[in-house]
Amino acid sequence: MLLKHWHFVLITFIVLTTSCGSDKDEPAVDSTPLFPVGKEFNVSLNIAPFLEVDEQPLGRSVTSSLPGGLYAVNVFWRGKSLTSFQPYASGLFDDPYRVEIGLIEGYTYRFDCSFLDYKDSPYGKVENDISLYGLPFSCSPSKGMDGHITNDLLISINPLNINQSFYQHIYKGEMLMKQDSTSIHPTVKRFFGSQQLEFLTPGTNTSVSISLKRAYYSLQFTTNELNPGDSIKITATDISPLYLLYSPDGISKSEERIISMYDISDYYTARLKEEETIGFTITYRPADEEEWHTIYADQSIKMKRNKKNIVKITKIDKYINDATISFDEDAEMEEVEQEIGE
């Protein structure tokens, strides 16, 4: 199955015992500071790779090396009197093995990360021997082709609407596919994770870990009601058409399609969304006709993250707004099933 294996990545930030600030009393923090003030401690970032296999229960086996690809990491901070997180540092990595950043004690920090395998990388270009990437790894509000490998976390504290070096677009699934073309539902395996750190009293080997989880799902349509020569076409925005054709065994299945979520998370909470709704148009063409008949136009169907979503279409012979759709689950992915028309 397409979703049998996936990378499960653990990102660990270990606080070193050496302080980079002075031992003198620090000035009081303003109610709306532009940057945290206080004693700074070096923090090293270590990434440990895992491979998670979909079984019951889920099992993990350690791999020998990190998955090769692009890792965008954002660090936010929140002061004692602030209600929301503010940008602190950001970076894009293809070699996230030895990374350090200074954190000021007495504040809360949040670490967000999104990962794409090299083969799933967004469209990019090379200028002056530097590779530049588009969405989701654009680092400017304009969503330009300006993301570049830093292999370091660079301090970047400007507000997001004017910040030119913060990977703020990793919270959505929109991806640059060609120089002038984006997709909100690319066929890629996207990963996302987040973790907070209350950095109040740093101690020896204080650490925070991020587990990267799937930000995608798979989709397959099926029916057992097609006659020889019949066909069904399923379309949706930014998703290539899926087809159901007659099968001699009586069970017609479309290809299983990997789809990256569009609404992955947000930079306010960084909570990974568990589902999204997509509008599908489903048309049916009997063997003896040339015309496609609409079964459903922009039918809202709920897709669940990290699931194999199987959509079963029934009663297609009454194709004028009288078909049914059901969802089934594949045992390997903890299936979910929906049906329309029953």
Foldseek 3Di string as FASTA:
>chain_A
DVQFKDKKKKKKKWWAPDKPADPDDKDDDDLDDLADTAIKTKIKMAMFIWMWGQDVVIDIDGDDDHQFWKKKKWKWKAAPNGDFTFGFWIFIARDQHTEMDIDHARIKMKMKMKTFHHVRFFDWDADPNWIFFFPLQQQAPVRARHHTHDSYIGTFGDGRNGTRGHSQSLQFQWGHHDNPDIARKDQGWMWMWMDMDNRHPDDGGDMIMIIIDTQKEKEKEKELPADAQKKKWKDFGRDPIWMWHDDPVRMTMTDITIIGGGRQDHNGPSDGDFKDKTFMWMWIDHRVDDDTHTQDGGHIDMDTTQFYWYWYWAPCVPRHPQIKIWTFGDPSRVGHMGMGRD
